Amino acid sequence: MAEFHNAGYRGLYNGETADDIFKRKKLRYREDILDNMNEDELIANLFRINQTKNF
């Protein structure tokens, strides 16, 4: 599952993984990346997540 999320993040963030984003945003342990995004980032990520749901 982590590889799947990282692939999505890499596409939106010029190759950054979830760990890279976590460090860049200086998030604390167990903080969620999605809870710490601006509106544009959140919309792009929610769109990405929604498009990969199993129907």
Protein backbone atom coordinates (compact mmCIF):
# COMPACT_ATOMS: atom_id res chain seq x y z
CA MET A 1 0.00 0.00 0.00
CA ALA A 2 2.83 2.42 0.80
CA GLU A 3 4.29 2.01 -2.69
CA PHE A 4 0.92 2.88 -4.18
CA HIS A 5 0.67 6.10 -2.16
CA ASN A 6 4.28 6.99 -2.90
CA ALA A 7 3.68 6.57 -6.63
CA GLY A 8 0.82 9.06 -6.41
CA TYR A 9 2.87 11.52 -4.36
CA ARG A 10 5.82 11.19 -6.75
CA GLY A 11 3.58 12.16 -9.64
CA LEU A 12 2.22 15.25 -7.89
CA TYR A 13 5.36 16.36 -6.06
CA ASN A 14 8.19 16.05 -8.60
CA GLY A 15 9.40 12.68 -7.33
CA GLU A 16 9.00 13.27 -3.59
CA THR A 17 7.89 10.29 -1.51
CA ALA A 18 5.58 10.48 1.49
CA ASP A 19 8.68 10.54 3.74
CA ASP A 20 10.14 13.45 1.76
CA ILE A 21 6.90 15.43 2.07
CA PHE A 22 6.65 14.58 5.76
CA LYS A 23 10.16 15.96 6.37
CA ARG A 24 9.69 19.04 4.16
CA LYS A 25 6.48 19.99 5.96
CA LYS A 26 8.16 19.24 9.33
CA LEU A 27 5.28 17.07 10.46
CA ARG A 28 5.39 15.35 13.83
CA TYR A 29 5.06 11.62 14.37
CA ARG A 30 1.60 10.34 13.35
CA GLU A 31 0.48 13.61 11.75
CA ASP A 32 -1.33 12.97 8.48
CA ILE A 33 0.03 14.56 5.32
CA LEU A 34 -3.50 15.13 3.97
CA ASP A 35 -4.40 17.09 7.11
CA ASN A 36 -1.51 19.45 6.43
CA MET A 37 -2.10 20.47 2.81
CA ASN A 38 -3.30 23.69 1.29
CA GLU A 39 -6.54 23.68 -0.71
CA ASP A 40 -4.93 23.02 -4.10
CA GLU A 41 -2.81 20.14 -2.79
CA LEU A 42 -5.79 18.60 -1.06
CA ILE A 43 -8.00 18.79 -4.15
CA ALA A 44 -5.30 17.20 -6.33
CA ASN A 45 -4.71 14.38 -3.85
CA LEU A 46 -8.38 13.69 -3.24
CA PHE A 47 -8.94 13.54 -7.01
CA ARG A 48 -6.03 11.09 -7.34
CA ILE A 49 -7.37 8.92 -4.51
CA ASN A 50 -10.92 8.99 -5.87
CA GLN A 51 -9.83 7.96 -9.38
CA THR A 52 -8.10 4.84 -8.05
CA LYS A 53 -11.02 3.42 -6.08
CA ASN A 54 -12.15 -0.08 -6.95
CA PHE A 55 -15.63 -0.13 -8.44
